[in-house]
Amino acid sequence: MYEEIHSIKKYDHENLVPLYGVSTTITDFCLVHPWYKNGNVMGYLEGNPKINRFDLVSVFQKTP
């Protein structure tokens, strides 16, 4: 599990929320990201129901 977290921390893209680290003291396992004053992804999707969700995650698509 921790190997995957180290991999995630390496991502640096304007459309990705940076991962600060991991906490195992608050809950069993918790990813730590910065707090954004404009809300969370669920609020964004609810406020923008016509947004193309595929475009939001297409950065993860591998090119041949």
N, C-alpha and C. Protein backbone atom coordinates (compact mmCIF):
# COMPACT_ATOMS: atom_id res chain seq x y z
N MET A 1 0.83 -1.19 0.00
CA MET A 1 0.00 0.00 0.00
C MET A 1 0.87 1.26 0.00
N TYR A 2 1.93 1.28 0.78
CA TYR A 2 2.75 2.48 0.87
C TYR A 2 3.54 2.74 -0.41
N GLU A 3 3.84 1.70 -1.16
CA GLU A 3 4.51 1.89 -2.45
C GLU A 3 3.61 2.68 -3.40
N GLU A 4 2.30 2.37 -3.39
CA GLU A 4 1.36 3.08 -4.23
C GLU A 4 1.26 4.55 -3.83
N ILE A 5 1.30 4.81 -2.54
CA ILE A 5 1.21 6.19 -2.05
C ILE A 5 2.43 6.98 -2.50
N HIS A 6 3.60 6.39 -2.44
CA HIS A 6 4.80 7.07 -2.91
C HIS A 6 4.70 7.38 -4.40
N SER A 7 4.08 6.47 -5.15
CA SER A 7 3.87 6.71 -6.58
C SER A 7 2.92 7.87 -6.80
N ILE A 8 1.84 7.93 -6.04
CA ILE A 8 0.86 9.00 -6.17
C ILE A 8 1.51 10.35 -5.86
N LYS A 9 2.36 10.39 -4.86
CA LYS A 9 3.01 11.65 -4.47
C LYS A 9 3.88 12.21 -5.59
N LYS A 10 4.30 11.37 -6.51
CA LYS A 10 5.16 11.82 -7.60
C LYS A 10 4.40 12.56 -8.69
N TYR A 11 3.07 12.37 -8.77
CA TYR A 11 2.29 13.04 -9.80
C TYR A 11 2.33 14.55 -9.59
N ASP A 12 2.59 15.25 -10.67
CA ASP A 12 2.59 16.71 -10.61
C ASP A 12 1.85 17.21 -11.86
N HIS A 13 0.57 17.53 -11.69
CA HIS A 13 -0.25 17.98 -12.82
C HIS A 13 -1.23 19.01 -12.29
N GLU A 14 -1.51 20.01 -13.11
CA GLU A 14 -2.39 21.10 -12.69
C GLU A 14 -3.81 20.65 -12.37
N ASN A 15 -4.23 19.51 -12.87
CA ASN A 15 -5.58 19.01 -12.61
C ASN A 15 -5.65 18.00 -11.47
N LEU A 16 -4.54 17.77 -10.81
CA LEU A 16 -4.52 16.81 -9.70
C LEU A 16 -4.25 17.53 -8.39
N VAL A 17 -4.98 17.13 -7.39
CA VAL A 17 -4.76 17.66 -6.04
C VAL A 17 -3.51 17.00 -5.48
N PRO A 18 -2.56 17.78 -4.99
CA PRO A 18 -1.34 17.16 -4.44
C PRO A 18 -1.63 16.34 -3.18
N LEU A 19 -0.89 15.30 -3.03
CA LEU A 19 -0.99 14.46 -1.84
C LEU A 19 0.11 14.86 -0.88
N TYR A 20 -0.28 15.33 0.31
CA TYR A 20 0.70 15.74 1.32
C TYR A 20 1.27 14.57 2.09
N GLY A 21 0.42 13.58 2.32
CA GLY A 21 0.89 12.44 3.09
C GLY A 21 -0.26 11.57 3.53
N VAL A 22 0.01 10.76 4.54
CA VAL A 22 -0.96 9.80 5.04
C VAL A 22 -1.01 9.90 6.56
N SER A 23 -2.21 9.76 7.08
CA SER A 23 -2.37 9.74 8.53
C SER A 23 -2.99 8.42 8.93
N THR A 24 -2.46 7.82 9.96
CA THR A 24 -3.05 6.60 10.51
C THR A 24 -3.51 6.83 11.94
N THR A 25 -3.56 8.10 12.36
CA THR A 25 -3.97 8.38 13.73
C THR A 25 -5.42 8.83 13.83
N ILE A 26 -5.94 9.50 12.79
CA ILE A 26 -7.32 9.99 12.83
C ILE A 26 -8.28 8.85 12.60
N THR A 27 -8.02 8.07 11.57
CA THR A 27 -8.81 6.88 11.25
C THR A 27 -7.82 5.76 10.97
N ASP A 28 -8.33 4.66 10.51
CA ASP A 28 -7.41 3.57 10.16
C ASP A 28 -6.46 3.99 9.06
N PHE A 29 -6.96 4.77 8.10
CA PHE A 29 -6.13 5.20 6.99
C PHE A 29 -6.76 6.45 6.37
N CYS A 30 -5.96 7.48 6.19
CA CYS A 30 -6.50 8.75 5.69
C CYS A 30 -5.46 9.43 4.81
N LEU A 31 -5.85 9.76 3.56
CA LEU A 31 -4.97 10.52 2.69
C LEU A 31 -5.10 12.00 3.03
N VAL A 32 -3.99 12.72 3.04
CA VAL A 32 -3.99 14.13 3.42
C VAL A 32 -3.73 14.98 2.18
N HIS A 33 -4.73 15.82 1.84
CA HIS A 33 -4.65 16.72 0.70
C HIS A 33 -4.88 18.14 1.19
N PRO A 34 -4.51 19.14 0.39
CA PRO A 34 -4.79 20.52 0.81
C PRO A 34 -6.28 20.80 0.84
N TRP A 35 -6.68 21.76 1.66
CA TRP A 35 -8.07 22.18 1.75
C TRP A 35 -8.30 23.28 0.72
N TYR A 36 -9.37 23.16 -0.05
CA TYR A 36 -9.68 24.16 -1.05
C TYR A 36 -10.96 24.89 -0.68
N LYS A 37 -10.90 26.22 -0.69
CA LYS A 37 -12.04 27.02 -0.26
C LYS A 37 -13.24 26.89 -1.18
N ASN A 38 -13.06 26.42 -2.41
CA ASN A 38 -14.17 26.31 -3.34
C ASN A 38 -14.89 24.97 -3.29
N GLY A 39 -14.63 24.17 -2.31
CA GLY A 39 -15.38 22.94 -2.13
C GLY A 39 -14.63 21.69 -2.55
N ASN A 40 -15.39 20.61 -2.65
CA ASN A 40 -14.80 19.32 -2.98
C ASN A 40 -15.32 18.84 -4.33
N VAL A 41 -14.82 17.71 -4.77
CA VAL A 41 -15.18 17.21 -6.09
C VAL A 41 -16.67 16.87 -6.20
N MET A 42 -17.26 16.36 -5.13
CA MET A 42 -18.69 16.03 -5.19
C MET A 42 -19.53 17.29 -5.36
N GLY A 43 -19.17 18.33 -4.65
CA GLY A 43 -19.88 19.60 -4.80
C GLY A 43 -19.72 20.16 -6.20
N TYR A 44 -18.54 20.03 -6.76
CA TYR A 44 -18.29 20.51 -8.12
C TYR A 44 -19.15 19.75 -9.12
N LEU A 45 -19.19 18.42 -8.99
CA LEU A 45 -19.98 17.62 -9.91
C LEU A 45 -21.48 17.89 -9.77
N GLU A 46 -21.94 18.09 -8.56
CA GLU A 46 -23.35 18.42 -8.35
C GLU A 46 -23.69 19.78 -8.94
N GLY A 47 -22.77 20.74 -8.84
CA GLY A 47 -23.00 22.07 -9.38
C GLY A 47 -22.80 22.17 -10.88
N ASN A 48 -22.18 21.14 -11.47
CA ASN A 48 -21.92 21.11 -12.91
C ASN A 48 -22.36 19.77 -13.48
N PRO A 49 -23.67 19.50 -13.48
CA PRO A 49 -24.15 18.17 -13.87
C PRO A 49 -23.85 17.79 -15.32
N LYS A 50 -23.62 18.78 -16.18
CA LYS A 50 -23.38 18.47 -17.59
C LYS A 50 -21.89 18.33 -17.94
N ILE A 51 -21.04 18.43 -16.94
CA ILE A 51 -19.60 18.32 -17.18
C ILE A 51 -19.27 16.91 -17.70
N ASN A 52 -18.35 16.84 -18.64
CA ASN A 52 -17.93 15.54 -19.17
C ASN A 52 -16.94 14.92 -18.18
N ARG A 53 -17.40 13.96 -17.44
CA ARG A 53 -16.57 13.35 -16.39
C ARG A 53 -15.38 12.59 -16.96
N PHE A 54 -15.53 12.06 -18.17
CA PHE A 54 -14.41 11.37 -18.79
C PHE A 54 -13.25 12.34 -19.01
N ASP A 55 -13.57 13.56 -19.45
CA ASP A 55 -12.51 14.55 -19.66
C ASP A 55 -11.77 14.87 -18.36
N LEU A 56 -12.47 14.79 -17.25
CA LEU A 56 -11.83 15.09 -15.97
C LEU A 56 -10.78 14.06 -15.58
N VAL A 57 -10.95 12.84 -16.03
CA VAL A 57 -10.00 11.78 -15.66
C VAL A 57 -9.15 11.32 -16.83
N SER A 58 -9.31 11.94 -17.99
CA SER A 58 -8.57 11.48 -19.18
C SER A 58 -7.07 11.68 -19.04
N VAL A 59 -6.64 12.51 -18.10
CA VAL A 59 -5.20 12.69 -17.88
C VAL A 59 -4.55 11.36 -17.49
N PHE A 60 -5.34 10.43 -16.98
CA PHE A 60 -4.80 9.14 -16.55
C PHE A 60 -4.72 8.13 -17.69
N GLN A 61 -5.30 8.45 -18.85
CA GLN A 61 -5.28 7.52 -19.97
C GLN A 61 -3.88 7.41 -20.54
N LYS A 62 -3.43 6.21 -20.74
CA LYS A 62 -2.09 5.99 -21.30
C LYS A 62 -2.16 6.07 -22.82
N THR A 63 -1.17 6.68 -23.40
CA THR A 63 -1.10 6.75 -24.85
C THR A 63 -0.25 5.59 -25.35
N PRO A 64 -0.60 5.04 -26.52
CA PRO A 64 0.15 3.89 -27.05
C PRO A 64 1.57 4.26 -27.46
